[in-house]
Amino acid sequence: MASKTIILGADHAGFELKEAIKAHLTEKGMTVRDLTPEKIEGDDYPPIAKQAAEEIVKSDGQAILVCGSGMGMDIAANRIAGARAVVVRDEKEAKLSREDDHANILVLGGRMTPEEKAISITDTWLATPYSKAQRHERRVRELDR
């Protein structure tokens, strides 16, 4: 896996899954920066998603966000130009989202994705490089306009 810093963020509904992912990545020797170091009941996901998206767009980095379904974080993050957030439910989607769409934000549903599955999705997503295919590069440029 890459040695760069991975940004993590979660609301109350995704907190436990985010913590499991954080422990897994740390155990693998990766550096993580957690935008939500403590659980706050009833917190809102838009500010967390916005901050993560803004930071990864500036740094050309990667983030992993978790809320209850994944949908809210996905919508909020994608409002930032240059963010390409994707809700992923399995390893094939993780791989394709990186290869074809150059996704820079992985979004998981804390209430939808079992921990073991989320870890496998995360590993796949982080290990998959961007495709160099011209059609994918063209489409990503169109997305980022």
N, C-alpha and C. Protein backbone atom coordinates (compact mmCIF):
# COMPACT_ATOMS: atom_id res chain seq x y z
N MET A 1 0.84 -1.20 0.00
CA MET A 1 0.00 0.00 0.00
C MET A 1 0.88 1.25 0.00
N ALA A 2 0.30 2.33 -0.41
CA ALA A 2 1.02 3.59 -0.50
C ALA A 2 1.42 4.09 0.88
N SER A 3 2.44 4.92 0.93
CA SER A 3 2.92 5.43 2.21
C SER A 3 2.39 6.83 2.52
N LYS A 4 1.60 7.40 1.63
CA LYS A 4 1.09 8.72 1.90
C LYS A 4 0.00 8.69 2.97
N THR A 5 -0.33 9.86 3.46
CA THR A 5 -1.35 9.97 4.50
C THR A 5 -2.74 9.81 3.92
N ILE A 6 -3.55 9.01 4.59
CA ILE A 6 -4.95 8.81 4.21
C ILE A 6 -5.79 9.60 5.20
N ILE A 7 -6.68 10.43 4.69
CA ILE A 7 -7.58 11.20 5.54
C ILE A 7 -8.81 10.35 5.84
N LEU A 8 -9.21 10.32 7.09
CA LEU A 8 -10.42 9.60 7.52
C LEU A 8 -11.41 10.58 8.10
N GLY A 9 -12.68 10.27 7.94
CA GLY A 9 -13.73 11.09 8.54
C GLY A 9 -14.99 10.29 8.70
N ALA A 10 -15.74 10.57 9.75
CA ALA A 10 -16.99 9.86 9.99
C ALA A 10 -17.91 10.72 10.85
N ASP A 11 -19.20 10.44 10.72
CA ASP A 11 -20.15 11.00 11.67
C ASP A 11 -20.43 9.92 12.72
N HIS A 12 -21.38 10.18 13.60
CA HIS A 12 -21.68 9.24 14.68
C HIS A 12 -22.08 7.86 14.15
N ALA A 13 -22.77 7.81 13.02
CA ALA A 13 -23.25 6.54 12.49
C ALA A 13 -22.15 5.72 11.83
N GLY A 14 -21.07 6.36 11.47
CA GLY A 14 -19.96 5.65 10.84
C GLY A 14 -18.73 5.54 11.72
N PHE A 15 -18.84 6.05 12.94
CA PHE A 15 -17.66 6.17 13.80
C PHE A 15 -16.98 4.82 14.08
N GLU A 16 -17.74 3.81 14.48
CA GLU A 16 -17.13 2.53 14.83
C GLU A 16 -16.42 1.89 13.64
N LEU A 17 -17.05 1.94 12.48
CA LEU A 17 -16.41 1.36 11.30
C LEU A 17 -15.16 2.15 10.94
N LYS A 18 -15.22 3.46 11.04
CA LYS A 18 -14.03 4.29 10.77
C LYS A 18 -12.91 3.92 11.72
N GLU A 19 -13.23 3.69 12.98
CA GLU A 19 -12.21 3.30 13.96
C GLU A 19 -11.56 1.97 13.59
N ALA A 20 -12.35 1.02 13.11
CA ALA A 20 -11.81 -0.28 12.69
C ALA A 20 -10.88 -0.11 11.49
N ILE A 21 -11.29 0.71 10.54
CA ILE A 21 -10.45 0.97 9.37
C ILE A 21 -9.17 1.67 9.79
N LYS A 22 -9.28 2.62 10.67
CA LYS A 22 -8.11 3.36 11.18
C LYS A 22 -7.12 2.40 11.83
N ALA A 23 -7.61 1.50 12.69
CA ALA A 23 -6.74 0.54 13.35
C ALA A 23 -6.06 -0.37 12.33
N HIS A 24 -6.81 -0.81 11.33
CA HIS A 24 -6.27 -1.68 10.29
C HIS A 24 -5.17 -0.98 9.50
N LEU A 25 -5.42 0.24 9.08
CA LEU A 25 -4.43 0.97 8.28
C LEU A 25 -3.18 1.28 9.11
N THR A 26 -3.38 1.65 10.36
CA THR A 26 -2.25 1.93 11.25
C THR A 26 -1.42 0.68 11.47
N GLU A 27 -2.09 -0.45 11.67
CA GLU A 27 -1.40 -1.73 11.84
C GLU A 27 -0.57 -2.09 10.62
N LYS A 28 -1.04 -1.69 9.44
CA LYS A 28 -0.31 -1.95 8.19
C LYS A 28 0.81 -0.93 7.96
N GLY A 29 0.99 0.00 8.89
CA GLY A 29 2.06 0.98 8.79
C GLY A 29 1.71 2.23 8.02
N MET A 30 0.44 2.40 7.70
CA MET A 30 0.03 3.59 6.96
C MET A 30 -0.19 4.76 7.91
N THR A 31 -0.02 5.94 7.40
CA THR A 31 -0.27 7.15 8.17
C THR A 31 -1.69 7.60 7.90
N VAL A 32 -2.45 7.83 8.96
CA VAL A 32 -3.82 8.32 8.81
C VAL A 32 -3.98 9.64 9.55
N ARG A 33 -4.81 10.47 9.01
CA ARG A 33 -5.17 11.73 9.66
C ARG A 33 -6.68 11.69 9.84
N ASP A 34 -7.10 11.64 11.08
CA ASP A 34 -8.51 11.46 11.41
C ASP A 34 -9.14 12.82 11.69
N LEU A 35 -10.10 13.19 10.85
CA LEU A 35 -10.79 14.47 11.03
C LEU A 35 -11.86 14.40 12.11
N THR A 36 -12.18 13.20 12.57
CA THR A 36 -13.20 13.01 13.61
C THR A 36 -12.64 12.13 14.72
N PRO A 37 -11.78 12.68 15.56
CA PRO A 37 -11.12 11.86 16.57
C PRO A 37 -12.03 11.39 17.71
N GLU A 38 -13.21 11.97 17.85
CA GLU A 38 -14.12 11.54 18.90
C GLU A 38 -15.54 11.43 18.37
N LYS A 39 -16.31 10.56 19.00
CA LYS A 39 -17.70 10.37 18.59
C LYS A 39 -18.57 11.44 19.23
N ILE A 40 -19.38 12.08 18.40
CA ILE A 40 -20.31 13.10 18.88
C ILE A 40 -21.70 12.69 18.40
N GLU A 41 -22.54 12.26 19.31
CA GLU A 41 -23.89 11.83 18.94
C GLU A 41 -24.64 12.97 18.26
N GLY A 42 -25.30 12.63 17.17
CA GLY A 42 -26.12 13.61 16.48
C GLY A 42 -25.36 14.59 15.62
N ASP A 43 -24.05 14.37 15.43
CA ASP A 43 -23.29 15.31 14.59
C ASP A 43 -23.75 15.19 13.14
N ASP A 44 -23.34 16.13 12.34
CA ASP A 44 -23.73 16.17 10.93
C ASP A 44 -22.54 15.85 10.04
N TYR A 45 -22.80 15.13 8.98
CA TYR A 45 -21.72 14.70 8.08
C TYR A 45 -21.25 15.76 7.09
N PRO A 46 -22.06 16.74 6.65
CA PRO A 46 -21.57 17.64 5.60
C PRO A 46 -20.26 18.37 5.91
N PRO A 47 -20.07 18.92 7.11
CA PRO A 47 -18.79 19.61 7.35
C PRO A 47 -17.58 18.68 7.29
N ILE A 48 -17.75 17.45 7.75
CA ILE A 48 -16.65 16.49 7.72
C ILE A 48 -16.30 16.14 6.28
N ALA A 49 -17.32 15.85 5.49
CA ALA A 49 -17.09 15.49 4.08
C ALA A 49 -16.47 16.65 3.32
N LYS A 50 -16.96 17.86 3.57
CA LYS A 50 -16.44 19.03 2.87
C LYS A 50 -14.96 19.25 3.21
N GLN A 51 -14.61 19.16 4.49
CA GLN A 51 -13.21 19.36 4.88
C GLN A 51 -12.31 18.31 4.25
N ALA A 52 -12.73 17.06 4.30
CA ALA A 52 -11.92 15.99 3.71
C ALA A 52 -11.76 16.20 2.21
N ALA A 53 -12.84 16.51 1.52
CA ALA A 53 -12.78 16.71 0.07
C ALA A 53 -11.87 17.87 -0.29
N GLU A 54 -11.99 18.97 0.42
CA GLU A 54 -11.14 20.13 0.13
C GLU A 54 -9.67 19.78 0.33
N GLU A 55 -9.36 19.04 1.39
CA GLU A 55 -7.97 18.69 1.66
C GLU A 55 -7.39 17.73 0.63
N ILE A 56 -8.16 16.75 0.21
CA ILE A 56 -7.60 15.80 -0.75
C ILE A 56 -7.47 16.41 -2.14
N VAL A 57 -8.36 17.31 -2.48
CA VAL A 57 -8.25 17.98 -3.78
C VAL A 57 -6.97 18.83 -3.81
N LYS A 58 -6.69 19.54 -2.74
CA LYS A 58 -5.47 20.36 -2.67
C LYS A 58 -4.20 19.53 -2.69
N SER A 59 -4.24 18.36 -2.04
CA SER A 59 -3.03 17.56 -1.88
C SER A 59 -2.91 16.42 -2.88
N ASP A 60 -3.92 16.23 -3.72
CA ASP A 60 -3.97 15.08 -4.63
C ASP A 60 -3.88 13.79 -3.83
N GLY A 61 -4.58 13.78 -2.69
CA GLY A 61 -4.54 12.64 -1.79
C GLY A 61 -5.75 11.75 -1.90
N GLN A 62 -5.97 10.98 -0.83
CA GLN A 62 -7.09 10.06 -0.77
C GLN A 62 -7.74 10.16 0.60
N ALA A 63 -9.05 9.93 0.63
CA ALA A 63 -9.80 9.96 1.88
C ALA A 63 -10.76 8.79 1.93
N ILE A 64 -11.10 8.42 3.15
CA ILE A 64 -12.12 7.40 3.39
C ILE A 64 -13.11 8.01 4.37
N LEU A 65 -14.37 8.07 3.96
CA LEU A 65 -15.43 8.66 4.77
C LEU A 65 -16.48 7.62 5.09
N VAL A 66 -17.07 7.72 6.28
CA VAL A 66 -18.09 6.76 6.69
C VAL A 66 -19.23 7.49 7.39
N CYS A 67 -20.45 7.25 6.91
CA CYS A 67 -21.65 7.70 7.61
C CYS A 67 -22.59 6.49 7.65
N GLY A 68 -23.83 6.68 8.01
CA GLY A 68 -24.74 5.55 8.15
C GLY A 68 -24.90 4.73 6.89
N SER A 69 -25.28 5.36 5.79
CA SER A 69 -25.48 4.65 4.53
C SER A 69 -24.33 4.87 3.55
N GLY A 70 -23.57 5.91 3.76
CA GLY A 70 -22.54 6.33 2.82
C GLY A 70 -23.05 7.39 1.86
N MET A 71 -24.35 7.45 1.67
CA MET A 71 -24.92 8.35 0.67
C MET A 71 -24.72 9.83 1.01
N GLY A 72 -24.94 10.19 2.25
CA GLY A 72 -24.82 11.59 2.63
C GLY A 72 -23.40 12.12 2.48
N MET A 73 -22.43 11.36 2.96
CA MET A 73 -21.02 11.76 2.81
C MET A 73 -20.67 11.88 1.34
N ASP A 74 -21.15 10.95 0.53
CA ASP A 74 -20.88 10.96 -0.90
C ASP A 74 -21.41 12.23 -1.55
N ILE A 75 -22.64 12.56 -1.27
CA ILE A 75 -23.24 13.77 -1.85
C ILE A 75 -22.48 15.01 -1.41
N ALA A 76 -22.20 15.10 -0.11
CA ALA A 76 -21.52 16.29 0.43
C ALA A 76 -20.11 16.43 -0.15
N ALA A 77 -19.36 15.35 -0.22
CA ALA A 77 -17.99 15.42 -0.73
C ALA A 77 -17.97 15.79 -2.21
N ASN A 78 -18.91 15.27 -2.97
CA ASN A 78 -18.92 15.54 -4.41
C ASN A 78 -19.34 16.97 -4.76
N ARG A 79 -19.73 17.74 -3.80
CA ARG A 79 -20.02 19.16 -4.06
C ARG A 79 -18.74 19.99 -4.20
N ILE A 80 -17.60 19.40 -3.83
CA ILE A 80 -16.32 20.09 -3.94
C ILE A 80 -15.70 19.74 -5.29
N ALA A 81 -15.39 20.76 -6.08
CA ALA A 81 -14.79 20.54 -7.40
C ALA A 81 -13.50 19.75 -7.26
N GLY A 82 -13.38 18.70 -8.05
CA GLY A 82 -12.18 17.87 -8.03
C GLY A 82 -12.31 16.64 -7.14
N ALA A 83 -13.34 16.62 -6.30
CA ALA A 83 -13.58 15.44 -5.47
C ALA A 83 -14.34 14.43 -6.31
N ARG A 84 -13.90 13.19 -6.22
CA ARG A 84 -14.57 12.10 -6.91
C ARG A 84 -14.86 11.01 -5.88
N ALA A 85 -15.91 11.25 -5.12
CA ALA A 85 -16.30 10.34 -4.04
C ALA A 85 -17.23 9.26 -4.58
N VAL A 86 -17.05 8.04 -4.09
CA VAL A 86 -17.87 6.92 -4.52
C VAL A 86 -18.28 6.08 -3.32
N VAL A 87 -19.56 5.73 -3.28
CA VAL A 87 -20.04 4.75 -2.31
C VAL A 87 -19.73 3.38 -2.90
N VAL A 88 -19.06 2.56 -2.13
CA VAL A 88 -18.64 1.26 -2.61
C VAL A 88 -19.18 0.18 -1.69
N ARG A 89 -19.70 -0.89 -2.27
CA ARG A 89 -20.28 -2.00 -1.50
C ARG A 89 -19.51 -3.31 -1.65
N ASP A 90 -18.59 -3.38 -2.64
CA ASP A 90 -17.80 -4.61 -2.78
C ASP A 90 -16.46 -4.30 -3.43
N GLU A 91 -15.59 -5.31 -3.47
CA GLU A 91 -14.23 -5.14 -3.97
C GLU A 91 -14.19 -4.82 -5.46
N LYS A 92 -15.09 -5.38 -6.24
CA LYS A 92 -15.11 -5.08 -7.67
C LYS A 92 -15.40 -3.60 -7.91
N GLU A 93 -16.39 -3.07 -7.19
CA GLU A 93 -16.68 -1.64 -7.31
C GLU A 93 -15.49 -0.80 -6.86
N ALA A 94 -14.81 -1.24 -5.81
CA ALA A 94 -13.63 -0.52 -5.32
C ALA A 94 -12.57 -0.44 -6.41
N LYS A 95 -12.31 -1.57 -7.03
CA LYS A 95 -11.29 -1.63 -8.09
C LYS A 95 -11.67 -0.77 -9.29
N LEU A 96 -12.90 -0.92 -9.74
CA LEU A 96 -13.33 -0.14 -10.91
C LEU A 96 -13.39 1.35 -10.64
N SER A 97 -13.78 1.72 -9.42
CA SER A 97 -13.86 3.15 -9.10
C SER A 97 -12.50 3.82 -9.15
N ARG A 98 -11.46 3.07 -8.84
CA ARG A 98 -10.10 3.61 -8.91
C ARG A 98 -9.57 3.56 -10.34
N GLU A 99 -9.70 2.42 -11.00
CA GLU A 99 -9.15 2.27 -12.34
C GLU A 99 -9.83 3.18 -13.35
N ASP A 100 -11.14 3.15 -13.38
CA ASP A 100 -11.90 3.85 -14.41
C ASP A 100 -12.21 5.30 -14.07
N ASP A 101 -12.56 5.55 -12.83
CA ASP A 101 -13.07 6.88 -12.45
C ASP A 101 -12.10 7.69 -11.61
N HIS A 102 -10.95 7.13 -11.31
CA HIS A 102 -9.92 7.83 -10.53
C HIS A 102 -10.51 8.38 -9.23
N ALA A 103 -11.36 7.59 -8.59
CA ALA A 103 -11.98 8.03 -7.34
C ALA A 103 -10.90 8.38 -6.32
N ASN A 104 -11.10 9.51 -5.65
CA ASN A 104 -10.13 9.92 -4.63
C ASN A 104 -10.74 9.91 -3.22
N ILE A 105 -12.02 9.57 -3.12
CA ILE A 105 -12.67 9.44 -1.82
C ILE A 105 -13.51 8.17 -1.82
N LEU A 106 -13.18 7.27 -0.92
CA LEU A 106 -13.96 6.06 -0.72
C LEU A 106 -14.98 6.35 0.37
N VAL A 107 -16.24 6.03 0.10
CA VAL A 107 -17.29 6.26 1.09
C VAL A 107 -17.95 4.91 1.40
N LEU A 108 -18.08 4.65 2.69
CA LEU A 108 -18.67 3.41 3.16
C LEU A 108 -19.85 3.70 4.07
N GLY A 109 -20.77 2.76 4.13
CA GLY A 109 -21.92 2.87 5.02
C GLY A 109 -21.68 2.11 6.31
N GLY A 110 -21.60 2.82 7.40
CA GLY A 110 -21.36 2.19 8.69
C GLY A 110 -22.46 1.24 9.12
N ARG A 111 -23.66 1.51 8.66
CA ARG A 111 -24.80 0.65 9.00
C ARG A 111 -25.05 -0.40 7.91
N MET A 112 -24.31 -0.33 6.83
CA MET A 112 -24.55 -1.18 5.67
C MET A 112 -23.42 -2.17 5.40
N THR A 113 -22.23 -1.88 5.86
CA THR A 113 -21.05 -2.66 5.48
C THR A 113 -20.43 -3.33 6.70
N PRO A 114 -20.41 -4.64 6.74
CA PRO A 114 -19.75 -5.33 7.85
C PRO A 114 -18.26 -4.98 7.89
N GLU A 115 -17.69 -4.99 9.08
CA GLU A 115 -16.30 -4.57 9.27
C GLU A 115 -15.33 -5.34 8.37
N GLU A 116 -15.42 -6.64 8.34
CA GLU A 116 -14.50 -7.44 7.54
C GLU A 116 -14.60 -7.07 6.05
N LYS A 117 -15.80 -6.86 5.57
CA LYS A 117 -16.01 -6.46 4.18
C LYS A 117 -15.43 -5.06 3.93
N ALA A 118 -15.64 -4.15 4.86
CA ALA A 118 -15.12 -2.79 4.72
C ALA A 118 -13.59 -2.78 4.66
N ILE A 119 -12.96 -3.61 5.44
CA ILE A 119 -11.49 -3.69 5.43
C ILE A 119 -11.01 -4.23 4.08
N SER A 120 -11.68 -5.24 3.57
CA SER A 120 -11.32 -5.80 2.27
C SER A 120 -11.53 -4.77 1.15
N ILE A 121 -12.64 -4.06 1.20
CA ILE A 121 -12.91 -3.00 0.22
C ILE A 121 -11.83 -1.93 0.30
N THR A 122 -11.50 -1.51 1.50
CA THR A 122 -10.48 -0.48 1.72
C THR A 122 -9.14 -0.91 1.14
N ASP A 123 -8.72 -2.13 1.45
CA ASP A 123 -7.44 -2.64 0.94
C ASP A 123 -7.42 -2.67 -0.59
N THR A 124 -8.50 -3.13 -1.17
CA THR A 124 -8.60 -3.18 -2.64
C THR A 124 -8.53 -1.78 -3.22
N TRP A 125 -9.30 -0.87 -2.65
CA TRP A 125 -9.37 0.49 -3.15
C TRP A 125 -8.00 1.17 -3.09
N LEU A 126 -7.32 1.03 -1.97
CA LEU A 126 -6.02 1.68 -1.81
C LEU A 126 -4.93 1.04 -2.66
N ALA A 127 -5.06 -0.24 -2.95
CA ALA A 127 -4.04 -0.94 -3.73
C ALA A 127 -4.21 -0.78 -5.23
N THR A 128 -5.36 -0.30 -5.67
CA THR A 128 -5.64 -0.21 -7.10
C THR A 128 -5.18 1.14 -7.65
N PRO A 129 -4.28 1.11 -8.64
CA PRO A 129 -3.82 2.37 -9.23
C PRO A 129 -4.80 2.91 -10.26
N TYR A 130 -4.63 4.18 -10.57
CA TYR A 130 -5.40 4.79 -11.65
C TYR A 130 -5.04 4.12 -12.96
N SER A 131 -5.99 4.03 -13.86
CA SER A 131 -5.72 3.54 -15.20
C SER A 131 -5.08 4.66 -16.00
N LYS A 132 -4.26 4.26 -16.91
CA LYS A 132 -3.64 5.24 -17.82
C LYS A 132 -4.39 5.29 -19.16
N ALA A 133 -5.50 4.58 -19.23
CA ALA A 133 -6.25 4.54 -20.48
C ALA A 133 -6.75 5.94 -20.84
N GLN A 134 -6.57 6.28 -22.09
CA GLN A 134 -6.93 7.61 -22.57
C GLN A 134 -8.40 7.93 -22.32
N ARG A 135 -9.29 6.96 -22.54
CA ARG A 135 -10.72 7.23 -22.36
C ARG A 135 -11.04 7.55 -20.90
N HIS A 136 -10.35 6.91 -19.97
CA HIS A 136 -10.59 7.20 -18.56
C HIS A 136 -10.05 8.58 -18.18
N GLU A 137 -8.88 8.91 -18.68
CA GLU A 137 -8.31 10.23 -18.42
C GLU A 137 -9.23 11.33 -18.97
N ARG A 138 -9.75 11.12 -20.17
CA ARG A 138 -10.66 12.09 -20.79
C ARG A 138 -11.92 12.27 -19.93
N ARG A 139 -12.48 11.19 -19.48
CA ARG A 139 -13.72 11.25 -18.68
C ARG A 139 -13.49 11.93 -17.34
N VAL A 140 -12.36 11.67 -16.73
CA VAL A 140 -12.06 12.32 -15.45
C VAL A 140 -11.89 13.83 -15.66
N ARG A 141 -11.25 14.21 -16.73
CA ARG A 141 -11.13 15.66 -17.03
C ARG A 141 -12.51 16.29 -17.18
N GLU A 142 -13.43 15.57 -17.81
CA GLU A 142 -14.79 16.08 -17.97
C GLU A 142 -15.48 16.20 -16.62
N LEU A 143 -15.26 15.23 -15.73
CA LEU A 143 -15.85 15.28 -14.39
C LEU A 143 -15.33 16.47 -13.60
N ASP A 144 -14.07 16.75 -13.73
CA ASP A 144 -13.42 17.78 -12.92
C ASP A 144 -13.60 19.20 -13.44
N ARG A 145 -14.37 19.36 -14.51
CA ARG A 145 -14.61 20.73 -15.02
C ARG A 145 -15.55 21.48 -14.14
